[in-house]
C-alpha atoms as a PDB file:
ATOM      1  CA  MET A   1     -45.031  95.038 -24.541  1.00  0.00           C
ATOM      2  CA  LYS A   2     -41.787  93.267 -25.573  1.00  0.00           C
ATOM      3  CA  THR A   3     -41.554  91.554 -29.009  1.00  0.00           C
ATOM      4  CA  ILE A   4     -42.272  87.892 -28.594  1.00  0.00           C
ATOM      5  CA  ARG A   5     -40.605  85.284 -30.825  1.00  0.00           C
ATOM      6  CA  TYR A   6     -42.074  81.888 -30.772  1.00  0.00           C
ATOM      7  CA  ASP A   7     -40.992  79.260 -33.174  1.00  0.00           C
ATOM      8  CA  ARG A   8     -41.412  80.763 -36.666  1.00  0.00           C
ATOM      9  CA  PHE A   9     -43.625  83.708 -35.571  1.00  0.00           C
ATOM     10  CA  VAL A  10     -42.597  87.174 -34.305  1.00  0.00           C
ATOM     11  CA  PHE A  11     -45.388  88.911 -32.392  1.00  0.00           C
ATOM     12  CA  PHE A  12     -45.157  92.654 -31.696  1.00  0.00           C
ATOM     13  CA  ASP A  13     -46.947  95.830 -30.969  1.00  0.00           C
ATOM     14  CA  LYS A  14     -46.410  98.447 -33.745  1.00  0.00           C
ATOM     15  CA  LYS A  15     -46.314 101.178 -31.245  1.00  0.00           C
ATOM     16  CA  ASN A  16     -43.233  99.691 -29.659  1.00  0.00           C
ATOM     17  CA  VAL A  17     -41.263  99.086 -32.858  1.00  0.00           C
ATOM     18  CA  CYS A  18     -39.419 102.002 -34.447  1.00  0.00           C
ATOM     19  CA  SER A  19     -39.226 102.420 -38.243  1.00  0.00           C
ATOM     20  CA  ALA A  20     -36.242 101.387 -40.454  1.00  0.00           C
ATOM     21  CA  HIS A  21     -35.360 105.186 -41.009  1.00  0.00           C
ATOM     22  CA  LYS A  22     -35.312 105.908 -37.208  1.00  0.00           C
ATOM     23  CA  LEU A  23     -33.202 102.733 -36.685  1.00  0.00           C
ATOM     24  CA  ALA A  24     -30.612 104.022 -39.331  1.00  0.00           C
ATOM     25  CA  ARG A  25     -30.548 107.386 -37.594  1.00  0.00           C
ATOM     26  CA  ILE A  26     -29.969 105.835 -34.142  1.00  0.00           C
ATOM     27  CA  TYR A  27     -27.143 103.975 -35.528  1.00  0.00           C
ATOM     28  CA  GLY A  28     -25.797 107.051 -37.347  1.00  0.00           C
ATOM     29  CA  VAL A  29     -25.795 105.585 -40.860  1.00  0.00           C
ATOM     30  CA  GLU A  30     -27.191 107.147 -44.029  1.00  0.00           C
ATOM     31  CA  CYS A  31     -30.358 105.443 -45.474  1.00  0.00           C
ATOM     32  CA  ASP A  32     -28.939 105.204 -48.925  1.00  0.00           C
ATOM     33  CA  SER A  33     -25.520 103.555 -47.875  1.00  0.00           C
ATOM     34  CA  TYR A  34     -24.685  99.966 -47.587  1.00  0.00           C
ATOM     35  CA  ALA A  35     -25.060  99.926 -43.865  1.00  0.00           C
ATOM     36  CA  GLY A  36     -28.465 101.667 -44.087  1.00  0.00           C
ATOM     37  CA  ASP A  37     -29.493  99.018 -46.643  1.00  0.00           C
ATOM     38  CA  VAL A  38     -28.538  96.109 -44.346  1.00  0.00           C
ATOM     39  CA  LEU A  39     -30.481  97.743 -41.389  1.00  0.00           C
ATOM     40  CA  HIS A  40     -33.453  98.240 -43.670  1.00  0.00           C
ATOM     41  CA  ARG A  41     -33.354  94.565 -44.787  1.00  0.00           C
ATOM     42  CA  ILE A  42     -32.976  93.331 -41.090  1.00  0.00           C
ATOM     43  CA  HIS A  43     -35.828  95.503 -40.035  1.00  0.00           C
ATOM     44  CA  HIS A  44     -38.115  94.287 -42.978  1.00  0.00           C
ATOM     45  CA  PHE A  45     -37.186  90.775 -42.318  1.00  0.00           C
ATOM     46  CA  PHE A  46     -38.521  90.841 -38.736  1.00  0.00           C
ATOM     47  CA  PHE A  47     -41.307  93.489 -39.072  1.00  0.00           C
ATOM     48  CA  GLY A  48     -42.130  94.127 -42.741  1.00  0.00           C
ATOM     49  CA  ASP A  49     -45.219  92.548 -44.340  1.00  0.00           C
ATOM     50  CA  ALA A  50     -46.836  92.243 -40.824  1.00  0.00           C
ATOM     51  CA  THR A  51     -50.300  90.860 -40.515  1.00  0.00           C
ATOM     52  CA  ASP A  52     -52.644  92.535 -37.896  1.00  0.00           C
ATOM     53  CA  LEU A  53     -53.824  89.598 -35.610  1.00  0.00           C
ATOM     54  CA  ARG A  54     -57.381  90.825 -34.813  1.00  0.00           C
ATOM     55  CA  LYS A  55     -58.044  92.071 -38.547  1.00  0.00           C
ATOM     56  CA  GLU A  56     -57.065  88.671 -39.807  1.00  0.00           C
ATOM     57  CA  TYR A  57     -59.242  86.872 -37.255  1.00  0.00           C
ATOM     58  CA  ARG A  58     -62.232  89.107 -37.921  1.00  0.00           C
ATOM     59  CA  ARG A  59     -61.872  88.946 -41.695  1.00  0.00           C
ATOM     60  CA  PHE A  60     -61.277  85.347 -42.327  1.00  0.00           C
ATOM     61  CA  TYR A  61     -61.618  83.179 -39.136  1.00  0.00           C
ATOM     62  CA  LYS A  62     -64.450  84.611 -36.953  1.00  0.00           C
ATOM     63  CA  ASN A  63     -66.902  82.054 -38.249  1.00  0.00           C
ATOM     64  CA  GLU A  64     -64.534  79.163 -37.727  1.00  0.00           C
ATOM     65  CA  PHE A  65     -63.144  80.043 -34.248  1.00  0.00           C
ATOM     66  CA  ASP A  66     -64.983  81.513 -31.201  1.00  0.00           C
ATOM     67  CA  ASP A  67     -62.348  84.022 -30.266  1.00  0.00           C
ATOM     68  CA  VAL A  68     -58.840  85.125 -30.954  1.00  0.00           C
ATOM     69  CA  ASP A  69     -57.420  82.888 -28.190  1.00  0.00           C
ATOM     70  CA  GLN A  70     -58.945  79.903 -29.901  1.00  0.00           C
ATOM     71  CA  PHE A  71     -57.694  81.072 -33.251  1.00  0.00           C
ATOM     72  CA  LEU A  72     -54.070  81.402 -31.918  1.00  0.00           C
ATOM     73  CA  GLU A  73     -54.383  77.983 -30.359  1.00  0.00           C
ATOM     74  CA  CYS A  74     -55.846  76.072 -33.006  1.00  0.00           C
ATOM     75  CA  HIS A  75     -54.655  77.813 -36.298  1.00  0.00           C
ATOM     76  CA  LEU A  76     -51.056  78.997 -35.188  1.00  0.00           C
ATOM     77  CA  ASN A  77     -50.373  76.504 -32.459  1.00  0.00           C
ATOM     78  CA  ILE A  78     -49.380  78.999 -29.895  1.00  0.00           C
ATOM     79  CA  PRO A  79     -49.217  77.611 -26.332  1.00  0.00           C
ATOM     80  CA  GLU A  80     -51.265  79.002 -23.425  1.00  0.00           C
ATOM     81  CA  ASN A  81     -48.347  80.854 -21.759  1.00  0.00           C
ATOM     82  CA  VAL A  82     -47.605  82.959 -24.963  1.00  0.00           C
ATOM     83  CA  ARG A  83     -51.304  83.543 -25.785  1.00  0.00           C
ATOM     84  CA  ARG A  84     -52.032  85.051 -22.362  1.00  0.00           C
ATOM     85  CA  ARG A  85     -49.296  87.660 -23.074  1.00  0.00           C
ATOM     86  CA  LEU A  86     -50.736  88.374 -26.519  1.00  0.00           C
ATOM     87  CA  ILE A  87     -54.488  88.778 -25.784  1.00  0.00           C
ATOM     88  CA  GLY A  88     -55.562  92.293 -24.992  1.00  0.00           C
ATOM     89  CA  HIS A  89     -52.919  94.067 -27.053  1.00  0.00           C
ATOM     90  CA  SER A  90     -52.999  95.446 -30.569  1.00  0.00           C
ATOM     91  CA  ILE A  91     -50.658  92.759 -32.002  1.00  0.00           C
ATOM     92  CA  SER A  92     -49.256  92.282 -35.409  1.00  0.00           C
ATOM     93  CA  TYR A  93     -47.213  89.139 -36.436  1.00  0.00           C
ATOM     94  CA  VAL A  94     -44.845  87.944 -39.036  1.00  0.00           C
ATOM     95  CA  ASN A  95     -44.216  84.383 -40.090  1.00  0.00           C
ATOM     96  CA  LEU A  96     -40.601  83.913 -40.738  1.00  0.00           C
ATOM     97  CA  ASP A  97     -41.040  80.845 -42.848  1.00  0.00           C
ATOM     98  CA  GLU A  98     -42.511  82.982 -45.614  1.00  0.00           C
ATOM     99  CA  LYS A  99     -39.538  85.342 -45.561  1.00  0.00           C
ATOM    100  CA  GLY A 100     -37.000  83.047 -47.204  1.00  0.00           C
ATOM    101  CA  GLU A 101     -33.546  83.210 -45.907  1.00  0.00           C
ATOM    102  CA  ASP A 102     -33.134  83.636 -42.114  1.00  0.00           C
ATOM    103  CA  LEU A 103     -31.185  86.858 -41.417  1.00  0.00           C
ATOM    104  CA  SER A 104     -31.057  86.163 -37.809  1.00  0.00           C
ATOM    105  CA  ASP A 105     -28.524  83.377 -38.484  1.00  0.00           C
ATOM    106  CA  SER A 106     -26.316  85.736 -40.252  1.00  0.00           C
ATOM    107  CA  PHE A 107     -25.789  87.783 -37.179  1.00  0.00           C
ATOM    108  CA  SER A 108     -25.570  85.124 -34.650  1.00  0.00           C
ATOM    109  CA  TYR A 109     -21.769  85.817 -34.134  1.00  0.00           C
ATOM    110  CA  ASP A 110     -22.474  89.264 -32.777  1.00  0.00           C
ATOM    111  CA  ASP A 111     -24.487  89.255 -29.643  1.00  0.00           C
ATOM    112  CA  GLU A 112     -23.938  92.937 -28.949  1.00  0.00           C
ATOM    113  CA  LEU A 113     -25.491  93.920 -32.356  1.00  0.00           C
ATOM    114  CA  LYS A 114     -28.453  91.552 -31.686  1.00  0.00           C
ATOM    115  CA  SER A 115     -29.129  92.874 -28.147  1.00  0.00           C
ATOM    116  CA  GLN A 116     -28.889  96.534 -29.431  1.00  0.00           C
ATOM    117  CA  PHE A 117     -31.327  95.829 -32.106  1.00  0.00           C
ATOM    118  CA  TRP A 118     -33.772  94.211 -29.911  1.00  0.00           C
ATOM    119  CA  ASN A 119     -33.527  96.758 -27.203  1.00  0.00           C
ATOM    120  CA  LEU A 120     -34.339  99.465 -29.833  1.00  0.00           C
ATOM    121  CA  MET A 121     -37.334  97.507 -30.892  1.00  0.00           C
ATOM    122  CA  GLY A 122     -38.653  97.314 -27.278  1.00  0.00           C
ATOM    123  CA  GLY A 123     -36.908  94.086 -26.252  1.00  0.00           C
ATOM    124  CA  ILE A 124     -37.561  90.553 -27.135  1.00  0.00           C
ATOM    125  CA  ASP A 125     -38.699  87.419 -25.262  1.00  0.00           C
ATOM    126  CA  ASP A 126     -37.673  84.134 -27.089  1.00  0.00           C
ATOM    127  CA  GLU A 127     -40.259  81.571 -26.046  1.00  0.00           C
ATOM    128  CA  ASN A 128     -38.246  78.859 -27.779  1.00  0.00           C
ATOM    129  CA  PRO A 129     -34.675  79.491 -26.590  1.00  0.00           C
ATOM    130  CA  SER A 130     -33.350  76.164 -27.524  1.00  0.00           C
ATOM    131  CA  GLY A 131     -33.686  77.044 -31.237  1.00  0.00           C
ATOM    132  CA  ILE A 132     -34.981  73.453 -32.013  1.00  0.00           C
ATOM    133  CA  ARG A 133     -37.670  73.453 -34.572  1.00  0.00           C
ATOM    134  CA  TYR A 134     -39.895  70.364 -34.608  1.00  0.00           C
ATOM    135  CA  GLU A 135     -39.617  69.969 -38.569  1.00  0.00           C
ATOM    136  CA  GLN A 136     -35.888  69.128 -37.931  1.00  0.00           C
ATOM    137  CA  PHE A 137     -36.772  65.725 -36.504  1.00  0.00           C
ATOM    138  CA  PHE A 138     -38.857  64.700 -39.707  1.00  0.00           C
ATOM    139  CA  ASP A 139     -36.010  65.285 -42.224  1.00  0.00           C
END
């Protein structure tokens, strides 16, 4: 399964995402160097502090929602075409709003670096390619 980015969420299967140390080895940098630190921060921004979707549902929301699909629809506001791709997999997700600064904007100038990074992480499908966030219209 590819990594799916929708609005402020990144959904991924932990089996398809490599570790920060393996990412540094692939790029050929030392983990203790500046470049290794930058790669580690990028990896942590997108994949660190991930929440297991099924565990969160079972632990906190199983009495409120009938199933994981309804939880995704009502609690996280995920549309049906994205939910269909997530159901049936062991999915973790990260809410990028809770991460603070957006590192993805820092590397928007280098399309080759972004494509290499996401290819190493199993690929990405951006379900909101316009980049428009709905909160922008309320400011």
